[in-house]
């Protein structure tokens, strides 16, 4: 595991400090209220104090408790997912403007 500590900054300015990193997992000592990540990861900024990674389309994937630690996983949305979301938003907008009820799948 990387011994360097990171800071996660969420879209609303929430800061989570002293975060260890193991691959794509971010490890926090203690429990984490995962509701703080809901619709709050665009953008997600990860900093080691010198370098900063800004993830413009990140989503929270999961949290796993391991002893006294919580392992957090995030991922970036792919281009196809972003296109699908945009297309869906456009269809919803046109349906709303035309006063058409769309069936939810």
C-alpha atoms as a PDB file:
ATOM      1  CA  UNK A   1       0.000   0.000   0.000  1.00  0.00           C
ATOM      2  CA  UNK A   2       1.152   3.516  -0.829  1.00  0.00           C
ATOM      3  CA  UNK A   3       2.069   5.368   2.395  1.00  0.00           C
ATOM      4  CA  UNK A   4       1.351   8.771   0.870  1.00  0.00           C
ATOM      5  CA  UNK A   5      -1.807  10.486   2.188  1.00  0.00           C
ATOM      6  CA  UNK A   6      -4.399  12.143  -0.016  1.00  0.00           C
ATOM      7  CA  UNK A   7      -7.237  14.612   0.302  1.00  0.00           C
ATOM      8  CA  UNK A   8     -10.546  14.074  -1.475  1.00  0.00           C
ATOM      9  CA  UNK A   9     -12.603  17.177  -2.247  1.00  0.00           C
ATOM     10  CA  UNK A  10     -16.189  16.664  -3.382  1.00  0.00           C
ATOM     11  CA  UNK A  11     -18.312  18.964  -5.553  1.00  0.00           C
ATOM     12  CA  UNK A  12     -19.968  20.665  -2.583  1.00  0.00           C
ATOM     13  CA  UNK A  13     -16.595  21.416  -0.976  1.00  0.00           C
ATOM     14  CA  UNK A  14     -16.661  18.519   1.486  1.00  0.00           C
ATOM     15  CA  UNK A  15     -13.070  17.547   2.269  1.00  0.00           C
ATOM     16  CA  UNK A  16     -11.944  14.108   3.394  1.00  0.00           C
ATOM     17  CA  UNK A  17      -8.363  14.198   4.635  1.00  0.00           C
ATOM     18  CA  UNK A  18      -5.699  11.641   5.557  1.00  0.00           C
ATOM     19  CA  UNK A  19      -6.819   9.159   2.935  1.00  0.00           C
ATOM     20  CA  UNK A  20      -4.450   6.334   2.002  1.00  0.00           C
ATOM     21  CA  UNK A  21      -4.459   4.843  -1.483  1.00  0.00           C
ATOM     22  CA  UNK A  22      -4.132   1.241  -2.592  1.00  0.00           C
ATOM     23  CA  UNK A  23      -4.475   1.019  -6.362  1.00  0.00           C
ATOM     24  CA  UNK A  24      -7.880   2.511  -7.158  1.00  0.00           C
ATOM     25  CA  UNK A  25      -9.072   2.194  -3.552  1.00  0.00           C
ATOM     26  CA  UNK A  26      -9.054   5.097  -1.121  1.00  0.00           C
ATOM     27  CA  UNK A  27      -8.775   4.070   2.520  1.00  0.00           C
ATOM     28  CA  UNK A  28     -10.195   6.114   5.382  1.00  0.00           C
ATOM     29  CA  UNK A  29      -9.744   5.256   9.049  1.00  0.00           C
ATOM     30  CA  UNK A  30     -13.146   4.758  10.678  1.00  0.00           C
ATOM     31  CA  UNK A  31     -16.663   4.687   9.287  1.00  0.00           C
ATOM     32  CA  UNK A  32     -17.806   6.875   6.410  1.00  0.00           C
ATOM     33  CA  UNK A  33     -21.322   8.133   5.757  1.00  0.00           C
ATOM     34  CA  UNK A  34     -21.548   7.220   2.079  1.00  0.00           C
ATOM     35  CA  UNK A  35     -24.569   9.467   1.505  1.00  0.00           C
ATOM     36  CA  UNK A  36     -22.070  12.351   1.277  1.00  0.00           C
ATOM     37  CA  UNK A  37     -20.966  10.979  -2.133  1.00  0.00           C
ATOM     38  CA  UNK A  38     -24.457  10.821  -3.648  1.00  0.00           C
ATOM     39  CA  UNK A  39     -24.614  13.208  -6.637  1.00  0.00           C
ATOM     40  CA  UNK A  40     -21.542  14.941  -5.205  1.00  0.00           C
ATOM     41  CA  UNK A  41     -18.578  13.631  -7.215  1.00  0.00           C
ATOM     42  CA  UNK A  42     -18.659  15.956 -10.217  1.00  0.00           C
ATOM     43  CA  UNK A  43     -15.999  17.097  -9.932  1.00  0.00           C
ATOM     44  CA  UNK A  44     -13.960  14.924  -7.560  1.00  0.00           C
ATOM     45  CA  UNK A  45     -10.537  16.336  -6.746  1.00  0.00           C
ATOM     46  CA  UNK A  46      -7.794  14.077  -5.401  1.00  0.00           C
ATOM     47  CA  UNK A  47      -4.682  15.762  -4.056  1.00  0.00           C
ATOM     48  CA  UNK A  48      -1.469  14.552  -2.465  1.00  0.00           C
ATOM     49  CA  UNK A  49      -0.493  18.075  -1.424  1.00  0.00           C
ATOM     50  CA  UNK A  50       1.659  18.615  -4.500  1.00  0.00           C
ATOM     51  CA  UNK A  51      -0.311  17.110  -7.382  1.00  0.00           C
ATOM     52  CA  UNK A  52      -4.005  17.364  -8.025  1.00  0.00           C
ATOM     53  CA  UNK A  53      -6.207  15.058 -10.116  1.00  0.00           C
ATOM     54  CA  UNK A  54      -9.576  16.477 -11.122  1.00  0.00           C
ATOM     55  CA  UNK A  55     -12.134  13.888 -12.183  1.00  0.00           C
ATOM     56  CA  UNK A  56     -14.861  15.751 -14.084  1.00  0.00           C
ATOM     57  CA  UNK A  57     -17.215  12.768 -14.404  1.00  0.00           C
ATOM     58  CA  UNK A  58     -16.592  10.592 -11.364  1.00  0.00           C
ATOM     59  CA  UNK A  59     -19.154   8.397  -9.655  1.00  0.00           C
ATOM     60  CA  UNK A  60     -19.011   6.690  -6.288  1.00  0.00           C
ATOM     61  CA  UNK A  61     -18.996   2.898  -6.736  1.00  0.00           C
ATOM     62  CA  UNK A  62     -18.831   1.371  -3.253  1.00  0.00           C
ATOM     63  CA  UNK A  63     -17.546   1.425   0.293  1.00  0.00           C
ATOM     64  CA  UNK A  64     -16.282  -1.682   2.077  1.00  0.00           C
ATOM     65  CA  UNK A  65     -15.554  -1.815   5.800  1.00  0.00           C
ATOM     66  CA  UNK A  66     -12.418  -3.764   6.714  1.00  0.00           C
ATOM     67  CA  UNK A  67     -11.766  -3.663  10.437  1.00  0.00           C
ATOM     68  CA  UNK A  68     -11.335  -0.022  11.442  1.00  0.00           C
ATOM     69  CA  UNK A  69     -10.973   1.135   7.830  1.00  0.00           C
ATOM     70  CA  UNK A  70     -13.398   2.014   5.055  1.00  0.00           C
ATOM     71  CA  UNK A  71     -12.226   1.377   1.505  1.00  0.00           C
ATOM     72  CA  UNK A  72     -13.817   3.701  -1.054  1.00  0.00           C
ATOM     73  CA  UNK A  73     -13.987   3.139  -4.802  1.00  0.00           C
ATOM     74  CA  UNK A  74     -14.739   5.758  -7.458  1.00  0.00           C
ATOM     75  CA  UNK A  75     -14.672   5.548 -11.240  1.00  0.00           C
ATOM     76  CA  UNK A  76     -14.920   7.909 -14.168  1.00  0.00           C
ATOM     77  CA  UNK A  77     -17.884   7.610 -16.505  1.00  0.00           C
ATOM     78  CA  UNK A  78     -16.917   6.497 -19.987  1.00  0.00           C
ATOM     79  CA  UNK A  79     -17.678   8.366 -23.186  1.00  0.00           C
ATOM     80  CA  UNK A  80     -20.513   5.988 -24.109  1.00  0.00           C
ATOM     81  CA  UNK A  81     -22.157   6.455 -20.699  1.00  0.00           C
ATOM     82  CA  UNK A  82     -21.930  10.236 -21.029  1.00  0.00           C
ATOM     83  CA  UNK A  83     -23.452  10.114 -24.545  1.00  0.00           C
ATOM     84  CA  UNK A  84     -26.284   7.920 -23.278  1.00  0.00           C
ATOM     85  CA  UNK A  85     -26.988  10.281 -20.384  1.00  0.00           C
ATOM     86  CA  UNK A  86     -27.022  13.286 -22.726  1.00  0.00           C
ATOM     87  CA  UNK A  87     -29.316  11.513 -25.199  1.00  0.00           C
ATOM     88  CA  UNK A  88     -31.690  10.536 -22.399  1.00  0.00           C
ATOM     89  CA  UNK A  89     -31.757  14.108 -21.083  1.00  0.00           C
ATOM     90  CA  UNK A  90     -32.505  15.411 -24.600  1.00  0.00           C
ATOM     91  CA  UNK A  91     -35.336  12.906 -25.095  1.00  0.00           C
ATOM     92  CA  UNK A  92     -36.806  13.750 -21.683  1.00  0.00           C
ATOM     93  CA  UNK A  93     -36.674  17.467 -22.513  1.00  0.00           C
ATOM     94  CA  UNK A  94     -38.375  17.048 -25.894  1.00  0.00           C
ATOM     95  CA  UNK A  95     -41.053  14.838 -24.305  1.00  0.00           C
ATOM     96  CA  UNK A  96     -41.671  17.423 -21.590  1.00  0.00           C
ATOM     97  CA  UNK A  97     -41.961  20.258 -24.133  1.00  0.00           C
ATOM     98  CA  UNK A  98     -44.361  18.171 -26.253  1.00  0.00           C
ATOM     99  CA  UNK A  99     -46.330  17.112 -23.140  1.00  0.00           C
ATOM    100  CA  UNK A 100     -45.694  13.417 -23.830  1.00  0.00           C
ATOM    101  CA  UNK A 101     -45.524  10.841 -21.024  1.00  0.00           C
ATOM    102  CA  UNK A 102     -42.610   8.462 -21.491  1.00  0.00           C
ATOM    103  CA  UNK A 103     -42.751   4.956 -20.089  1.00  0.00           C
ATOM    104  CA  UNK A 104     -40.071   4.228 -17.523  1.00  0.00           C
ATOM    105  CA  UNK A 105     -38.167   1.005 -18.165  1.00  0.00           C
END
